[in-house]
Amino acid sequence: MAIFNNSDSTHKGTKPDTNTTIITAGSTIKGEMTLACNLYVDGEFEGVITSSKEVNIGKSGHIKGDISTTRLVVQGYVEGSINAARVEIKAHGRVSGSIESSELVIEAKGIFEGNSIVKDVSAIAKKASHGENIPADTLKSVINDNEVKVS
C-alpha cells in the first residue's frame, strides 16, 4: 500500500511542512515524483524523485534512479544519482552511485560505493579563513580538490 499526500492546506496548530508522502513496504512504484512535502520510502521506487523538502529511505526502502532534494537520509538502499544539500547514510544504509552535496555524513556500518562531489567548497574555505568553526564531518568530505572518490 502506498499513501500519497498532496495537500497544501494546513489545519490550525499544524506546521505546513509536516505533510509526508509515504511509500510503504510491499509497494512498487515506477515513474517521476515532484514533491513539495517530505517523502518516506519503505517500499520500492524506480524513476526520478524531486523534492523541495526531505527524502527519507527507510530500512526496507529501495530507490533506483535519480534523487534531487534538500536533505536525504538513507537507511535502506539507493542506486543512482543524488543531488542534495545534505546526505546522511545511516548505519546499514547503502548508496551505490554518485552524490553531489554540500554535506555528506556516513555513519559507522553505512556503505557508499561511487563518486562524491562536494558543492560550495569555496564557502567552506571562506569560513575557515575567517576563523569560523566548521563541523568535522564537513571537513572530512573536502579532499582531492573538491572531489571524493570511493570504490
N, C-alpha and C. Protein backbone atom coordinates (compact mmCIF):
# COMPACT_ATOMS: atom_id res chain seq x y z
N MET A 1 0.84 -1.17 0.00
CA MET A 1 0.00 0.00 0.00
C MET A 1 0.89 1.24 0.00
N ALA A 2 0.52 2.22 -0.77
CA ALA A 2 1.24 3.49 -0.80
C ALA A 2 0.26 4.58 -0.38
N ILE A 3 0.76 5.53 0.37
CA ILE A 3 -0.06 6.64 0.81
C ILE A 3 0.50 7.90 0.20
N PHE A 4 -0.31 8.62 -0.54
CA PHE A 4 0.13 9.86 -1.16
C PHE A 4 -0.60 11.02 -0.50
N ASN A 5 0.13 12.08 -0.23
CA ASN A 5 -0.45 13.25 0.39
C ASN A 5 -0.08 14.45 -0.45
N ASN A 6 -1.05 15.05 -1.10
CA ASN A 6 -0.79 16.19 -1.97
C ASN A 6 -1.47 17.44 -1.42
N SER A 7 -1.74 17.43 -0.14
CA SER A 7 -2.46 18.53 0.48
C SER A 7 -1.55 19.70 0.79
N ASP A 8 -1.94 20.88 0.32
CA ASP A 8 -1.21 22.09 0.67
C ASP A 8 -1.92 22.83 1.80
N SER A 9 -3.11 22.37 2.15
CA SER A 9 -3.87 23.05 3.20
C SER A 9 -3.32 22.65 4.56
N THR A 10 -3.44 23.56 5.51
CA THR A 10 -2.99 23.27 6.86
C THR A 10 -4.15 23.49 7.82
N HIS A 11 -4.12 22.74 8.89
CA HIS A 11 -5.13 22.89 9.93
C HIS A 11 -4.53 23.73 11.04
N LYS A 12 -5.39 24.31 11.85
CA LYS A 12 -4.90 25.11 12.97
C LYS A 12 -4.00 24.26 13.85
N GLY A 13 -2.85 24.80 14.21
CA GLY A 13 -1.94 24.09 15.08
C GLY A 13 -0.96 23.17 14.36
N THR A 14 -1.07 23.03 13.04
CA THR A 14 -0.12 22.17 12.30
C THR A 14 0.80 23.03 11.46
N LYS A 15 2.03 22.59 11.38
CA LYS A 15 3.01 23.29 10.55
C LYS A 15 2.84 22.83 9.11
N PRO A 16 3.07 23.72 8.13
CA PRO A 16 2.89 23.36 6.74
C PRO A 16 3.81 22.25 6.24
N ASP A 17 5.02 22.09 6.82
CA ASP A 17 5.93 21.09 6.31
C ASP A 17 5.83 19.75 7.02
N THR A 18 4.75 19.51 7.76
CA THR A 18 4.56 18.23 8.42
C THR A 18 3.92 17.21 7.48
N ASN A 19 3.51 17.62 6.29
CA ASN A 19 2.94 16.70 5.32
C ASN A 19 4.03 15.76 4.81
N THR A 20 3.70 14.48 4.75
CA THR A 20 4.65 13.48 4.29
C THR A 20 3.95 12.50 3.37
N THR A 21 4.58 12.23 2.23
CA THR A 21 4.11 11.18 1.34
C THR A 21 4.86 9.91 1.74
N ILE A 22 4.13 8.80 1.87
CA ILE A 22 4.72 7.56 2.34
C ILE A 22 4.51 6.47 1.29
N ILE A 23 5.59 5.79 0.94
CA ILE A 23 5.51 4.60 0.10
C ILE A 23 5.86 3.45 1.03
N THR A 24 4.87 2.65 1.37
CA THR A 24 5.04 1.63 2.40
C THR A 24 5.70 0.37 1.86
N ALA A 25 6.19 -0.46 2.77
CA ALA A 25 6.82 -1.74 2.43
C ALA A 25 5.82 -2.58 1.64
N GLY A 26 6.30 -3.25 0.62
CA GLY A 26 5.45 -4.08 -0.23
C GLY A 26 4.95 -3.36 -1.47
N SER A 27 5.13 -2.04 -1.52
CA SER A 27 4.70 -1.24 -2.68
C SER A 27 5.85 -1.12 -3.68
N THR A 28 5.51 -1.15 -4.97
CA THR A 28 6.49 -0.92 -6.03
C THR A 28 5.92 0.13 -6.96
N ILE A 29 6.67 1.22 -7.14
CA ILE A 29 6.20 2.33 -7.97
C ILE A 29 7.29 2.70 -8.96
N LYS A 30 6.90 2.95 -10.20
CA LYS A 30 7.82 3.41 -11.24
C LYS A 30 7.29 4.72 -11.79
N GLY A 31 8.19 5.68 -12.03
CA GLY A 31 7.75 6.94 -12.60
C GLY A 31 8.58 8.12 -12.14
N GLU A 32 7.91 9.26 -12.07
CA GLU A 32 8.56 10.50 -11.69
C GLU A 32 7.71 11.19 -10.63
N MET A 33 8.36 11.62 -9.54
CA MET A 33 7.64 12.30 -8.46
C MET A 33 8.25 13.67 -8.25
N THR A 34 7.40 14.70 -8.19
CA THR A 34 7.82 16.04 -7.83
C THR A 34 7.00 16.41 -6.60
N LEU A 35 7.70 16.71 -5.51
CA LEU A 35 7.04 16.90 -4.22
C LEU A 35 7.39 18.23 -3.58
N ALA A 36 6.42 18.79 -2.87
CA ALA A 36 6.65 19.97 -2.04
C ALA A 36 6.47 19.60 -0.58
N CYS A 37 6.55 18.28 -0.30
CA CYS A 37 6.43 17.79 1.07
C CYS A 37 7.51 16.73 1.28
N ASN A 38 7.61 16.25 2.51
CA ASN A 38 8.58 15.21 2.83
C ASN A 38 8.15 13.90 2.16
N LEU A 39 9.12 13.03 1.93
CA LEU A 39 8.86 11.71 1.35
C LEU A 39 9.53 10.66 2.20
N TYR A 40 8.78 9.61 2.54
CA TYR A 40 9.33 8.47 3.27
C TYR A 40 9.09 7.23 2.43
N VAL A 41 10.16 6.51 2.09
CA VAL A 41 10.05 5.33 1.23
C VAL A 41 10.50 4.10 2.00
N ASP A 42 9.59 3.16 2.19
CA ASP A 42 9.92 1.88 2.80
C ASP A 42 9.66 0.76 1.79
N GLY A 43 9.13 1.12 0.62
CA GLY A 43 8.90 0.17 -0.45
C GLY A 43 9.95 0.36 -1.53
N GLU A 44 9.55 0.10 -2.79
CA GLU A 44 10.48 0.23 -3.91
C GLU A 44 10.00 1.33 -4.85
N PHE A 45 10.95 2.13 -5.33
CA PHE A 45 10.65 3.18 -6.29
C PHE A 45 11.72 3.18 -7.36
N GLU A 46 11.29 3.22 -8.62
CA GLU A 46 12.22 3.33 -9.74
C GLU A 46 11.84 4.53 -10.57
N GLY A 47 12.78 5.47 -10.74
CA GLY A 47 12.49 6.66 -11.52
C GLY A 47 13.21 7.88 -10.98
N VAL A 48 12.52 9.02 -11.05
CA VAL A 48 13.11 10.31 -10.65
C VAL A 48 12.29 10.91 -9.51
N ILE A 49 12.99 11.33 -8.46
CA ILE A 49 12.35 11.99 -7.32
C ILE A 49 12.94 13.39 -7.21
N THR A 50 12.05 14.40 -7.21
CA THR A 50 12.45 15.78 -7.00
C THR A 50 11.62 16.31 -5.85
N SER A 51 12.28 16.72 -4.77
CA SER A 51 11.57 17.20 -3.59
C SER A 51 12.24 18.45 -3.04
N SER A 52 11.42 19.43 -2.67
CA SER A 52 11.96 20.64 -2.06
C SER A 52 12.09 20.48 -0.55
N LYS A 53 11.73 19.32 -0.05
CA LYS A 53 11.82 19.01 1.39
C LYS A 53 12.77 17.84 1.60
N GLU A 54 12.53 17.04 2.63
CA GLU A 54 13.38 15.91 3.00
C GLU A 54 12.88 14.61 2.38
N VAL A 55 13.83 13.76 1.95
CA VAL A 55 13.52 12.42 1.48
C VAL A 55 14.21 11.45 2.43
N ASN A 56 13.45 10.50 2.96
CA ASN A 56 13.97 9.52 3.90
C ASN A 56 13.71 8.13 3.34
N ILE A 57 14.78 7.35 3.16
CA ILE A 57 14.67 5.98 2.68
C ILE A 57 14.75 5.08 3.89
N GLY A 58 13.64 4.40 4.21
CA GLY A 58 13.58 3.54 5.38
C GLY A 58 14.40 2.27 5.20
N LYS A 59 14.49 1.46 6.25
CA LYS A 59 15.31 0.25 6.25
C LYS A 59 14.91 -0.73 5.15
N SER A 60 13.65 -0.78 4.79
CA SER A 60 13.18 -1.68 3.73
C SER A 60 13.09 -0.98 2.39
N GLY A 61 13.45 0.30 2.34
CA GLY A 61 13.32 1.10 1.12
C GLY A 61 14.41 0.82 0.10
N HIS A 62 14.03 0.88 -1.18
CA HIS A 62 14.98 0.69 -2.27
C HIS A 62 14.61 1.66 -3.39
N ILE A 63 15.53 2.53 -3.72
CA ILE A 63 15.33 3.52 -4.79
C ILE A 63 16.32 3.21 -5.90
N LYS A 64 15.81 3.16 -7.12
CA LYS A 64 16.68 3.00 -8.29
C LYS A 64 16.36 4.17 -9.22
N GLY A 65 17.28 5.15 -9.28
CA GLY A 65 17.04 6.32 -10.11
C GLY A 65 17.73 7.54 -9.55
N ASP A 66 17.21 8.71 -9.92
CA ASP A 66 17.81 9.98 -9.54
C ASP A 66 16.99 10.66 -8.45
N ILE A 67 17.70 11.24 -7.47
CA ILE A 67 17.05 11.95 -6.38
C ILE A 67 17.64 13.36 -6.29
N SER A 68 16.77 14.36 -6.28
CA SER A 68 17.17 15.75 -6.08
C SER A 68 16.32 16.29 -4.94
N THR A 69 16.98 16.69 -3.85
CA THR A 69 16.24 17.12 -2.66
C THR A 69 17.11 18.03 -1.80
N THR A 70 16.52 18.56 -0.75
CA THR A 70 17.26 19.39 0.19
C THR A 70 18.09 18.51 1.12
N ARG A 71 17.44 17.48 1.68
CA ARG A 71 18.11 16.59 2.62
C ARG A 71 17.69 15.16 2.33
N LEU A 72 18.66 14.25 2.26
CA LEU A 72 18.39 12.84 2.03
C LEU A 72 18.96 12.03 3.18
N VAL A 73 18.11 11.17 3.76
CA VAL A 73 18.53 10.27 4.82
C VAL A 73 18.34 8.85 4.29
N VAL A 74 19.42 8.06 4.27
CA VAL A 74 19.37 6.71 3.71
C VAL A 74 19.58 5.68 4.81
N GLN A 75 18.54 4.88 5.04
CA GLN A 75 18.64 3.74 5.95
C GLN A 75 18.52 2.44 5.17
N GLY A 76 18.03 2.55 3.92
CA GLY A 76 17.86 1.39 3.05
C GLY A 76 18.90 1.40 1.95
N TYR A 77 18.45 1.31 0.68
CA TYR A 77 19.38 1.18 -0.45
C TYR A 77 18.99 2.13 -1.57
N VAL A 78 19.97 2.89 -2.05
CA VAL A 78 19.77 3.80 -3.17
C VAL A 78 20.78 3.48 -4.25
N GLU A 79 20.29 3.30 -5.50
CA GLU A 79 21.14 3.12 -6.67
C GLU A 79 20.85 4.27 -7.61
N GLY A 80 21.85 5.09 -7.91
CA GLY A 80 21.63 6.18 -8.85
C GLY A 80 22.35 7.45 -8.46
N SER A 81 21.86 8.57 -8.99
CA SER A 81 22.46 9.88 -8.77
C SER A 81 21.69 10.65 -7.71
N ILE A 82 22.44 11.29 -6.83
CA ILE A 82 21.85 12.08 -5.75
C ILE A 82 22.39 13.49 -5.83
N ASN A 83 21.49 14.47 -5.75
CA ASN A 83 21.87 15.88 -5.67
C ASN A 83 21.09 16.45 -4.50
N ALA A 84 21.81 16.79 -3.43
CA ALA A 84 21.15 17.29 -2.22
C ALA A 84 22.10 18.20 -1.46
N ALA A 85 21.54 19.07 -0.64
CA ALA A 85 22.38 19.91 0.21
C ALA A 85 23.06 19.06 1.27
N ARG A 86 22.34 18.10 1.83
CA ARG A 86 22.89 17.22 2.88
C ARG A 86 22.46 15.79 2.62
N VAL A 87 23.41 14.87 2.67
CA VAL A 87 23.13 13.45 2.51
C VAL A 87 23.66 12.74 3.75
N GLU A 88 22.80 11.93 4.37
CA GLU A 88 23.18 11.15 5.54
C GLU A 88 22.97 9.68 5.22
N ILE A 89 24.03 8.90 5.30
CA ILE A 89 23.92 7.45 5.14
C ILE A 89 24.03 6.87 6.54
N LYS A 90 22.93 6.33 7.02
CA LYS A 90 22.87 5.80 8.38
C LYS A 90 23.48 4.40 8.43
N ALA A 91 23.65 3.87 9.65
CA ALA A 91 24.15 2.51 9.83
C ALA A 91 23.28 1.55 9.03
N HIS A 92 23.89 0.68 8.26
CA HIS A 92 23.23 -0.30 7.39
C HIS A 92 22.58 0.31 6.16
N GLY A 93 22.66 1.64 6.00
CA GLY A 93 22.21 2.28 4.77
C GLY A 93 23.26 2.07 3.70
N ARG A 94 22.81 2.07 2.43
CA ARG A 94 23.75 1.82 1.34
C ARG A 94 23.42 2.70 0.14
N VAL A 95 24.45 3.34 -0.42
CA VAL A 95 24.30 4.14 -1.63
C VAL A 95 25.31 3.64 -2.65
N SER A 96 24.82 3.38 -3.85
CA SER A 96 25.67 2.97 -4.96
C SER A 96 25.40 3.94 -6.10
N GLY A 97 26.38 4.78 -6.43
CA GLY A 97 26.17 5.77 -7.49
C GLY A 97 26.96 7.03 -7.22
N SER A 98 26.39 8.16 -7.63
CA SER A 98 27.09 9.43 -7.43
C SER A 98 26.30 10.34 -6.50
N ILE A 99 27.05 11.09 -5.70
CA ILE A 99 26.45 12.04 -4.76
C ILE A 99 27.07 13.40 -5.00
N GLU A 100 26.22 14.40 -5.18
CA GLU A 100 26.67 15.79 -5.24
C GLU A 100 25.97 16.51 -4.11
N SER A 101 26.77 16.95 -3.11
CA SER A 101 26.17 17.57 -1.93
C SER A 101 27.15 18.52 -1.26
N SER A 102 26.62 19.39 -0.41
CA SER A 102 27.46 20.27 0.40
C SER A 102 27.96 19.53 1.63
N GLU A 103 27.13 18.60 2.14
CA GLU A 103 27.50 17.83 3.32
C GLU A 103 27.20 16.37 3.06
N LEU A 104 28.15 15.50 3.39
CA LEU A 104 27.98 14.06 3.27
C LEU A 104 28.39 13.43 4.58
N VAL A 105 27.45 12.74 5.23
CA VAL A 105 27.71 12.10 6.51
C VAL A 105 27.47 10.61 6.34
N ILE A 106 28.48 9.81 6.66
CA ILE A 106 28.35 8.36 6.59
C ILE A 106 28.62 7.80 7.99
N GLU A 107 27.58 7.21 8.58
CA GLU A 107 27.73 6.63 9.91
C GLU A 107 28.47 5.30 9.82
N ALA A 108 28.97 4.83 10.97
CA ALA A 108 29.61 3.52 11.03
C ALA A 108 28.65 2.47 10.51
N LYS A 109 29.15 1.55 9.70
CA LYS A 109 28.40 0.47 9.06
C LYS A 109 27.53 0.95 7.90
N GLY A 110 27.60 2.24 7.57
CA GLY A 110 26.95 2.75 6.36
C GLY A 110 27.88 2.47 5.18
N ILE A 111 27.32 2.24 4.00
CA ILE A 111 28.12 1.88 2.84
C ILE A 111 27.88 2.87 1.70
N PHE A 112 28.98 3.37 1.12
CA PHE A 112 28.90 4.24 -0.06
C PHE A 112 29.87 3.73 -1.10
N GLU A 113 29.35 3.41 -2.29
CA GLU A 113 30.16 2.97 -3.41
C GLU A 113 29.89 3.90 -4.58
N GLY A 114 30.89 4.66 -5.00
CA GLY A 114 30.69 5.55 -6.13
C GLY A 114 31.53 6.80 -6.05
N ASN A 115 31.02 7.88 -6.62
CA ASN A 115 31.72 9.16 -6.67
C ASN A 115 30.95 10.20 -5.87
N SER A 116 31.70 11.09 -5.22
CA SER A 116 31.08 12.18 -4.47
C SER A 116 31.73 13.50 -4.87
N ILE A 117 30.91 14.47 -5.15
CA ILE A 117 31.38 15.82 -5.47
C ILE A 117 30.83 16.76 -4.41
N VAL A 118 31.72 17.53 -3.79
CA VAL A 118 31.32 18.46 -2.74
C VAL A 118 30.96 19.79 -3.37
N LYS A 119 29.75 20.27 -3.10
CA LYS A 119 29.30 21.57 -3.60
C LYS A 119 29.70 22.66 -2.62
N ASP A 120 29.84 23.87 -3.10
CA ASP A 120 30.07 25.05 -2.26
C ASP A 120 31.33 24.96 -1.41
N VAL A 121 32.39 24.40 -1.94
CA VAL A 121 33.63 24.29 -1.19
C VAL A 121 34.23 25.66 -0.92
N SER A 122 34.03 26.61 -1.81
CA SER A 122 34.57 27.95 -1.60
C SER A 122 33.99 28.59 -0.35
N ALA A 123 32.72 28.30 -0.04
CA ALA A 123 32.10 28.84 1.17
C ALA A 123 32.76 28.24 2.42
N ILE A 124 33.13 26.96 2.35
CA ILE A 124 33.79 26.30 3.47
C ILE A 124 35.18 26.91 3.68
N ALA A 125 35.91 27.10 2.58
CA ALA A 125 37.24 27.70 2.68
C ALA A 125 37.16 29.12 3.23
N LYS A 126 36.14 29.87 2.83
CA LYS A 126 35.98 31.24 3.31
C LYS A 126 35.72 31.26 4.81
N LYS A 127 34.87 30.34 5.30
CA LYS A 127 34.60 30.26 6.73
C LYS A 127 35.89 29.94 7.50
N ALA A 128 36.67 29.01 6.96
CA ALA A 128 37.91 28.61 7.64
C ALA A 128 38.89 29.77 7.70
N SER A 129 38.97 30.56 6.62
CA SER A 129 39.92 31.67 6.61
C SER A 129 39.50 32.80 7.55
N HIS A 130 38.21 32.84 7.91
CA HIS A 130 37.73 33.85 8.85
C HIS A 130 37.69 33.32 10.29
N GLY A 131 38.24 32.12 10.49
CA GLY A 131 38.32 31.57 11.83
C GLY A 131 37.02 30.98 12.35
N GLU A 132 36.04 30.76 11.47
CA GLU A 132 34.77 30.17 11.91
C GLU A 132 34.93 28.67 12.09
N ASN A 133 34.15 28.12 13.00
CA ASN A 133 34.18 26.68 13.22
C ASN A 133 33.45 25.97 12.09
N ILE A 134 34.04 24.88 11.63
CA ILE A 134 33.44 24.07 10.57
C ILE A 134 33.30 22.67 11.14
N PRO A 135 32.10 22.06 11.01
CA PRO A 135 31.91 20.70 11.53
C PRO A 135 32.95 19.74 10.95
N ALA A 136 33.44 18.84 11.78
CA ALA A 136 34.47 17.89 11.35
C ALA A 136 34.00 17.03 10.19
N ASP A 137 32.72 16.62 10.19
CA ASP A 137 32.24 15.78 9.10
C ASP A 137 32.23 16.53 7.77
N THR A 138 32.08 17.85 7.80
CA THR A 138 32.14 18.65 6.58
C THR A 138 33.57 18.70 6.07
N LEU A 139 34.53 18.90 6.97
CA LEU A 139 35.93 18.97 6.57
C LEU A 139 36.43 17.65 6.00
N LYS A 140 35.98 16.54 6.57
CA LYS A 140 36.43 15.23 6.11
C LYS A 140 36.05 14.98 4.66
N SER A 141 34.94 15.57 4.22
CA SER A 141 34.50 15.31 2.86
C SER A 141 35.17 16.21 1.83
N VAL A 142 35.96 17.18 2.29
CA VAL A 142 36.65 18.10 1.37
C VAL A 142 38.08 17.60 1.15
N ILE A 143 38.24 16.67 0.24
CA ILE A 143 39.56 16.16 -0.09
C ILE A 143 39.66 15.97 -1.60
N ASN A 144 40.86 15.78 -2.07
CA ASN A 144 41.11 15.57 -3.50
C ASN A 144 40.57 16.69 -4.36
N ASP A 145 40.88 17.94 -4.04
CA ASP A 145 40.45 19.09 -4.84
C ASP A 145 38.96 19.07 -5.09
N ASN A 146 38.18 18.96 -4.06
CA ASN A 146 36.72 19.05 -4.10
C ASN A 146 36.04 17.81 -4.61
N GLU A 147 36.75 16.73 -4.83
CA GLU A 147 36.11 15.52 -5.32
C GLU A 147 36.55 14.36 -4.48
N VAL A 148 35.60 13.56 -4.04
CA VAL A 148 35.88 12.37 -3.24
C VAL A 148 35.48 11.17 -4.06
N LYS A 149 36.37 10.23 -4.23
CA LYS A 149 36.06 9.02 -4.98
C LYS A 149 36.23 7.84 -4.04
N VAL A 150 35.20 7.02 -3.94
CA VAL A 150 35.22 5.86 -3.07
C VAL A 150 34.93 4.65 -3.93
N SER A 151 35.70 3.59 -3.78
CA SER A 151 35.46 2.37 -4.55
C SER A 151 35.00 1.27 -3.65
